[in-house]
């Protein structure tokens, strides 16, 4: 498993958390996805043999959030 933290500066509320987590958690190969509203980031644990980090970033971007430092 690979663990990474993605910076998503637009995270500001519970809706953001729900939106991002519900988009990332169901992806095949994602083990965990946890949004921190205070830190404005997403901690993701995933199987890199099943999913690329770029696919996770696209899922977040599709919800209207920009991912930095990726």
PDB file of N, CA and C in Angstrom:
ATOM      1  N   UNK A   1       0.835  -1.186   0.000  1.00  0.00           N
ATOM      2  CA  UNK A   1       0.000   0.000   0.000  1.00  0.00           C
ATOM      3  C   UNK A   1       0.880   1.250   0.000  1.00  0.00           C
ATOM      4  N   UNK A   2       0.375   2.246  -0.679  1.00  0.00           N
ATOM      5  CA  UNK A   2       1.048   3.542  -0.754  1.00  0.00           C
ATOM      6  C   UNK A   2       0.206   4.550   0.007  1.00  0.00           C
ATOM      7  N   UNK A   3       0.861   5.379   0.804  1.00  0.00           N
ATOM      8  CA  UNK A   3       0.156   6.430   1.538  1.00  0.00           C
ATOM      9  C   UNK A   3       0.670   7.770   1.063  1.00  0.00           C
ATOM     10  N   UNK A   4      -0.255   8.697   0.818  1.00  0.00           N
ATOM     11  CA  UNK A   4       0.139  10.041   0.409  1.00  0.00           C
ATOM     12  C   UNK A   4      -0.833  11.053   0.999  1.00  0.00           C
ATOM     13  N   UNK A   5      -0.367  12.282   1.123  1.00  0.00           N
ATOM     14  CA  UNK A   5      -1.209  13.373   1.584  1.00  0.00           C
ATOM     15  C   UNK A   5      -1.280  14.414   0.478  1.00  0.00           C
ATOM     16  N   UNK A   6      -2.486  14.745   0.069  1.00  0.00           N
ATOM     17  CA  UNK A   6      -2.709  15.721  -0.987  1.00  0.00           C
ATOM     18  C   UNK A   6      -3.215  17.020  -0.383  1.00  0.00           C
ATOM     19  N   UNK A   7      -2.627  18.122  -0.781  1.00  0.00           N
ATOM     20  CA  UNK A   7      -3.061  19.434  -0.315  1.00  0.00           C
ATOM     21  C   UNK A   7      -4.218  19.917  -1.191  1.00  0.00           C
ATOM     22  N   UNK A   8      -5.336  20.232  -0.535  1.00  0.00           N
ATOM     23  CA  UNK A   8      -6.531  20.720  -1.235  1.00  0.00           C
ATOM     24  C   UNK A   8      -6.992  21.984  -0.500  1.00  0.00           C
ATOM     25  N   UNK A   9      -6.447  23.144  -0.891  1.00  0.00           N
ATOM     26  CA  UNK A   9      -6.690  24.375  -0.127  1.00  0.00           C
ATOM     27  C   UNK A   9      -8.132  24.857  -0.093  1.00  0.00           C
ATOM     28  N   UNK A  10      -8.992  24.376  -0.986  1.00  0.00           N
ATOM     29  CA  UNK A  10     -10.380  24.820  -1.016  1.00  0.00           C
ATOM     30  C   UNK A  10     -11.266  24.124   0.014  1.00  0.00           C
ATOM     31  N   UNK A  11     -10.735  23.137   0.738  1.00  0.00           N
ATOM     32  CA  UNK A  11     -11.519  22.441   1.760  1.00  0.00           C
ATOM     33  C   UNK A  11     -11.845  23.425   2.885  1.00  0.00           C
ATOM     34  N   UNK A  12     -13.148  23.560   3.181  1.00  0.00           N
ATOM     35  CA  UNK A  12     -13.522  24.520   4.214  1.00  0.00           C
ATOM     36  C   UNK A  12     -14.668  24.067   5.118  1.00  0.00           C
ATOM     37  N   UNK A  13     -15.305  22.935   4.784  1.00  0.00           N
ATOM     38  CA  UNK A  13     -16.496  22.573   5.564  1.00  0.00           C
ATOM     39  C   UNK A  13     -16.781  21.076   5.465  1.00  0.00           C
ATOM     40  N   UNK A  14     -17.811  20.666   6.191  1.00  0.00           N
ATOM     41  CA  UNK A  14     -18.221  19.270   6.181  1.00  0.00           C
ATOM     42  C   UNK A  14     -18.674  18.786   4.822  1.00  0.00           C
ATOM     43  N   UNK A  15     -19.303  19.680   4.051  1.00  0.00           N
ATOM     44  CA  UNK A  15     -19.729  19.297   2.703  1.00  0.00           C
ATOM     45  C   UNK A  15     -18.514  18.943   1.854  1.00  0.00           C
ATOM     46  N   UNK A  16     -17.443  19.714   1.972  1.00  0.00           N
ATOM     47  CA  UNK A  16     -16.204  19.436   1.222  1.00  0.00           C
ATOM     48  C   UNK A  16     -15.689  18.042   1.585  1.00  0.00           C
ATOM     49  N   UNK A  17     -15.650  17.767   2.883  1.00  0.00           N
ATOM     50  CA  UNK A  17     -15.174  16.470   3.372  1.00  0.00           C
ATOM     51  C   UNK A  17     -16.000  15.334   2.781  1.00  0.00           C
ATOM     52  N   UNK A  18     -17.318  15.462   2.871  1.00  0.00           N
ATOM     53  CA  UNK A  18     -18.210  14.421   2.364  1.00  0.00           C
ATOM     54  C   UNK A  18     -18.065  14.246   0.854  1.00  0.00           C
ATOM     55  N   UNK A  19     -18.008  15.339   0.140  1.00  0.00           N
ATOM     56  CA  UNK A  19     -17.904  15.306  -1.311  1.00  0.00           C
ATOM     57  C   UNK A  19     -16.639  14.590  -1.774  1.00  0.00           C
ATOM     58  N   UNK A  20     -15.514  14.955  -1.179  1.00  0.00           N
ATOM     59  CA  UNK A  20     -14.234  14.364  -1.584  1.00  0.00           C
ATOM     60  C   UNK A  20     -14.151  12.904  -1.161  1.00  0.00           C
ATOM     61  N   UNK A  21     -14.496  12.614   0.081  1.00  0.00           N
ATOM     62  CA  UNK A  21     -14.405  11.228   0.551  1.00  0.00           C
ATOM     63  C   UNK A  21     -15.337  10.305  -0.235  1.00  0.00           C
ATOM     64  N   UNK A  22     -16.542  10.782  -0.569  1.00  0.00           N
ATOM     65  CA  UNK A  22     -17.470   9.928  -1.313  1.00  0.00           C
ATOM     66  C   UNK A  22     -17.034   9.718  -2.752  1.00  0.00           C
ATOM     67  N   UNK A  23     -16.182  10.595  -3.274  1.00  0.00           N
ATOM     68  CA  UNK A  23     -15.656  10.426  -4.628  1.00  0.00           C
ATOM     69  C   UNK A  23     -14.432   9.517  -4.658  1.00  0.00           C
ATOM     70  N   UNK A  24     -13.633   9.546  -3.599  1.00  0.00           N
ATOM     71  CA  UNK A  24     -12.357   8.811  -3.601  1.00  0.00           C
ATOM     72  C   UNK A  24     -12.483   7.406  -3.018  1.00  0.00           C
ATOM     73  N   UNK A  25     -13.201   7.262  -1.918  1.00  0.00           N
ATOM     74  CA  UNK A  25     -13.278   5.957  -1.236  1.00  0.00           C
ATOM     75  C   UNK A  25     -13.766   4.810  -2.116  1.00  0.00           C
ATOM     76  N   UNK A  26     -14.745   5.022  -3.008  1.00  0.00           N
ATOM     77  CA  UNK A  26     -15.225   3.892  -3.817  1.00  0.00           C
ATOM     78  C   UNK A  26     -14.289   3.462  -4.947  1.00  0.00           C
ATOM     79  N   UNK A  27     -13.256   4.242  -5.230  1.00  0.00           N
ATOM     80  CA  UNK A  27     -12.368   3.906  -6.334  1.00  0.00           C
ATOM     81  C   UNK A  27     -11.668   2.574  -6.074  1.00  0.00           C
ATOM     82  N   UNK A  28     -11.621   1.737  -7.098  1.00  0.00           N
ATOM     83  CA  UNK A  28     -10.962   0.442  -6.983  1.00  0.00           C
ATOM     84  C   UNK A  28      -9.482   0.652  -6.695  1.00  0.00           C
ATOM     85  N   UNK A  29      -9.015   0.105  -5.602  1.00  0.00           N
ATOM     86  CA  UNK A  29      -7.616   0.234  -5.212  1.00  0.00           C
ATOM     87  C   UNK A  29      -7.400   1.200  -4.054  1.00  0.00           C
ATOM     88  N   UNK A  30      -8.411   2.006  -3.732  1.00  0.00           N
ATOM     89  CA  UNK A  30      -8.295   2.928  -2.600  1.00  0.00           C
ATOM     90  C   UNK A  30      -8.691   2.183  -1.331  1.00  0.00           C
ATOM     91  N   UNK A  31      -7.801   2.195  -0.347  1.00  0.00           N
ATOM     92  CA  UNK A  31      -8.058   1.546   0.930  1.00  0.00           C
ATOM     93  C   UNK A  31      -8.725   2.524   1.895  1.00  0.00           C
ATOM     94  N   UNK A  32      -8.130   3.714   2.055  1.00  0.00           N
ATOM     95  CA  UNK A  32      -8.709   4.738   2.919  1.00  0.00           C
ATOM     96  C   UNK A  32      -8.542   6.115   2.285  1.00  0.00           C
ATOM     97  N   UNK A  33      -9.465   6.993   2.620  1.00  0.00           N
ATOM     98  CA  UNK A  33      -9.382   8.402   2.218  1.00  0.00           C
ATOM     99  C   UNK A  33      -9.980   9.211   3.348  1.00  0.00           C
ATOM    100  N   UNK A  34      -9.184  10.066   3.952  1.00  0.00           N
ATOM    101  CA  UNK A  34      -9.630  10.849   5.101  1.00  0.00           C
ATOM    102  C   UNK A  34      -9.305  12.311   4.873  1.00  0.00           C
ATOM    103  N   UNK A  35     -10.339  13.141   4.870  1.00  0.00           N
ATOM    104  CA  UNK A  35     -10.184  14.582   4.673  1.00  0.00           C
ATOM    105  C   UNK A  35     -10.019  15.264   6.028  1.00  0.00           C
ATOM    106  N   UNK A  36      -9.030  16.141   6.127  1.00  0.00           N
ATOM    107  CA  UNK A  36      -8.865  16.988   7.307  1.00  0.00           C
ATOM    108  C   UNK A  36      -9.274  18.401   6.924  1.00  0.00           C
ATOM    109  N   UNK A  37     -10.383  18.862   7.500  1.00  0.00           N
ATOM    110  CA  UNK A  37     -10.862  20.215   7.202  1.00  0.00           C
ATOM    111  C   UNK A  37      -9.861  21.242   7.729  1.00  0.00           C
ATOM    112  N   UNK A  38      -9.365  21.048   8.950  1.00  0.00           N
ATOM    113  CA  UNK A  38      -8.435  22.005   9.557  1.00  0.00           C
ATOM    114  C   UNK A  38      -7.131  22.124   8.785  1.00  0.00           C
ATOM    115  N   UNK A  39      -6.593  20.978   8.349  1.00  0.00           N
ATOM    116  CA  UNK A  39      -5.308  20.987   7.628  1.00  0.00           C
ATOM    117  C   UNK A  39      -5.477  21.193   6.131  1.00  0.00           C
ATOM    118  N   UNK A  40      -6.721  21.100   5.659  1.00  0.00           N
ATOM    119  CA  UNK A  40      -7.034  21.238   4.232  1.00  0.00           C
ATOM    120  C   UNK A  40      -6.232  20.265   3.365  1.00  0.00           C
ATOM    121  N   UNK A  41      -6.304  19.001   3.778  1.00  0.00           N
ATOM    122  CA  UNK A  41      -5.635  17.975   2.986  1.00  0.00           C
ATOM    123  C   UNK A  41      -6.420  16.670   3.015  1.00  0.00           C
ATOM    124  N   UNK A  42      -5.975  15.756   2.157  1.00  0.00           N
ATOM    125  CA  UNK A  42      -6.606  14.442   2.052  1.00  0.00           C
ATOM    126  C   UNK A  42      -5.515  13.395   2.205  1.00  0.00           C
ATOM    127  N   UNK A  43      -5.642  12.544   3.210  1.00  0.00           N
ATOM    128  CA  UNK A  43      -4.733  11.413   3.389  1.00  0.00           C
ATOM    129  C   UNK A  43      -5.352  10.221   2.678  1.00  0.00           C
ATOM    130  N   UNK A  44      -4.587   9.635   1.756  1.00  0.00           N
ATOM    131  CA  UNK A  44      -5.092   8.520   0.966  1.00  0.00           C
ATOM    132  C   UNK A  44      -4.122   7.347   1.058  1.00  0.00           C
ATOM    133  N   UNK A  45      -4.656   6.172   1.309  1.00  0.00           N
ATOM    134  CA  UNK A  45      -3.885   4.933   1.249  1.00  0.00           C
ATOM    135  C   UNK A  45      -4.475   4.121   0.099  1.00  0.00           C
ATOM    136  N   UNK A  46      -3.596   3.715  -0.827  1.00  0.00           N
ATOM    137  CA  UNK A  46      -4.097   3.027  -2.017  1.00  0.00           C
ATOM    138  C   UNK A  46      -3.091   2.000  -2.519  1.00  0.00           C
ATOM    139  N   UNK A  47      -3.587   1.093  -3.336  1.00  0.00           N
ATOM    140  CA  UNK A  47      -2.774   0.049  -3.958  1.00  0.00           C
ATOM    141  C   UNK A  47      -2.344   0.565  -5.330  1.00  0.00           C
ATOM    142  N   UNK A  48      -1.078   0.927  -5.448  1.00  0.00           N
ATOM    143  CA  UNK A  48      -0.583   1.529  -6.691  1.00  0.00           C
ATOM    144  C   UNK A  48      -0.556   0.545  -7.863  1.00  0.00           C
ATOM    145  N   UNK A  49      -0.767  -0.735  -7.600  1.00  0.00           N
ATOM    146  CA  UNK A  49      -0.862  -1.687  -8.708  1.00  0.00           C
ATOM    147  C   UNK A  49      -2.279  -1.707  -9.299  1.00  0.00           C
ATOM    148  N   UNK A  50      -3.236  -1.095  -8.587  1.00  0.00           N
ATOM    149  CA  UNK A  50      -4.622  -1.061  -9.056  1.00  0.00           C
ATOM    150  C   UNK A  50      -5.067   0.320  -9.522  1.00  0.00           C
ATOM    151  N   UNK A  51      -4.476   1.377  -8.958  1.00  0.00           N
ATOM    152  CA  UNK A  51      -4.909   2.734  -9.285  1.00  0.00           C
ATOM    153  C   UNK A  51      -3.706   3.678  -9.246  1.00  0.00           C
ATOM    154  N   UNK A  52      -3.700   4.624 -10.168  1.00  0.00           N
ATOM    155  CA  UNK A  52      -2.642   5.638 -10.194  1.00  0.00           C
ATOM    156  C   UNK A  52      -3.074   6.832  -9.354  1.00  0.00           C
ATOM    157  N   UNK A  53      -2.100   7.510  -8.780  1.00  0.00           N
ATOM    158  CA  UNK A  53      -2.389   8.715  -8.004  1.00  0.00           C
ATOM    159  C   UNK A  53      -3.133   9.734  -8.864  1.00  0.00           C
ATOM    160  N   UNK A  54      -2.803   9.790 -10.143  1.00  0.00           N
ATOM    161  CA  UNK A  54      -3.469  10.751 -11.032  1.00  0.00           C
ATOM    162  C   UNK A  54      -4.976  10.501 -11.110  1.00  0.00           C
ATOM    163  N   UNK A  55      -5.407   9.249 -11.001  1.00  0.00           N
ATOM    164  CA  UNK A  55      -6.836   8.931 -11.018  1.00  0.00           C
ATOM    165  C   UNK A  55      -7.535   9.457  -9.760  1.00  0.00           C
ATOM    166  N   UNK A  56      -6.840   9.412  -8.646  1.00  0.00           N
ATOM    167  CA  UNK A  56      -7.382   9.937  -7.390  1.00  0.00           C
ATOM    168  C   UNK A  56      -7.507  11.451  -7.476  1.00  0.00           C
ATOM    169  N   UNK A  57      -6.489  12.084  -8.031  1.00  0.00           N
ATOM    170  CA  UNK A  57      -6.501  13.542  -8.198  1.00  0.00           C
ATOM    171  C   UNK A  57      -7.642  13.962  -9.115  1.00  0.00           C
ATOM    172  N   UNK A  58      -7.866  13.222 -10.189  1.00  0.00           N
ATOM    173  CA  UNK A  58      -8.968  13.527 -11.106  1.00  0.00           C
ATOM    174  C   UNK A  58     -10.310  13.410 -10.383  1.00  0.00           C
ATOM    175  N   UNK A  59     -10.467  12.398  -9.536  1.00  0.00           N
ATOM    176  CA  UNK A  59     -11.716  12.223  -8.794  1.00  0.00           C
ATOM    177  C   UNK A  59     -11.982  13.418  -7.887  1.00  0.00           C
ATOM    178  N   UNK A  60     -10.935  13.950  -7.267  1.00  0.00           N
ATOM    179  CA  UNK A  60     -11.077  15.136  -6.413  1.00  0.00           C
ATOM    180  C   UNK A  60     -11.376  16.359  -7.272  1.00  0.00           C
ATOM    181  N   UNK A  61     -10.653  16.502  -8.368  1.00  0.00           N
ATOM    182  CA  UNK A  61     -10.860  17.641  -9.275  1.00  0.00           C
ATOM    183  C   UNK A  61     -12.266  17.646  -9.855  1.00  0.00           C
ATOM    184  N   UNK A  62     -12.793  16.466 -10.153  1.00  0.00           N
ATOM    185  CA  UNK A  62     -14.152  16.342 -10.690  1.00  0.00           C
ATOM    186  C   UNK A  62     -15.215  16.852  -9.707  1.00  0.00           C
ATOM    187  N   UNK A  63     -14.856  16.918  -8.431  1.00  0.00           N
ATOM    188  CA  UNK A  63     -15.770  17.451  -7.417  1.00  0.00           C
ATOM    189  C   UNK A  63     -15.641  18.969  -7.287  1.00  0.00           C
ATOM    190  N   UNK A  64     -14.707  19.553  -8.045  1.00  0.00           N
ATOM    191  CA  UNK A  64     -14.557  21.008  -8.049  1.00  0.00           C
ATOM    192  C   UNK A  64     -13.435  21.534  -7.174  1.00  0.00           C
ATOM    193  N   UNK A  65     -12.532  20.660  -6.758  1.00  0.00           N
ATOM    194  CA  UNK A  65     -11.443  21.068  -5.879  1.00  0.00           C
ATOM    195  C   UNK A  65     -10.100  20.949  -6.590  1.00  0.00           C
ATOM    196  N   UNK A  66      -9.244  21.930  -6.384  1.00  0.00           N
ATOM    197  CA  UNK A  66      -7.909  21.909  -6.964  1.00  0.00           C
ATOM    198  C   UNK A  66      -6.950  21.228  -5.991  1.00  0.00           C
ATOM    199  N   UNK A  67      -6.146  20.313  -6.524  1.00  0.00           N
ATOM    200  CA  UNK A  67      -5.150  19.611  -5.717  1.00  0.00           C
ATOM    201  C   UNK A  67      -3.797  20.261  -5.984  1.00  0.00           C
ATOM    202  N   UNK A  68      -3.110  20.651  -4.908  1.00  0.00           N
ATOM    203  CA  UNK A  68      -1.778  21.248  -5.036  1.00  0.00           C
ATOM    204  C   UNK A  68      -0.721  20.250  -4.592  1.00  0.00           C
ATOM    205  N   UNK A  69       0.517  20.513  -4.984  1.00  0.00           N
ATOM    206  CA  UNK A  69       1.668  19.719  -4.562  1.00  0.00           C
ATOM    207  C   UNK A  69       1.527  18.248  -4.912  1.00  0.00           C
ATOM    208  N   UNK A  70       0.945  17.967  -6.062  1.00  0.00           N
ATOM    209  CA  UNK A  70       0.752  16.563  -6.455  1.00  0.00           C
ATOM    210  C   UNK A  70       1.800  16.151  -7.466  1.00  0.00           C
TER     211      UNK A  70
END
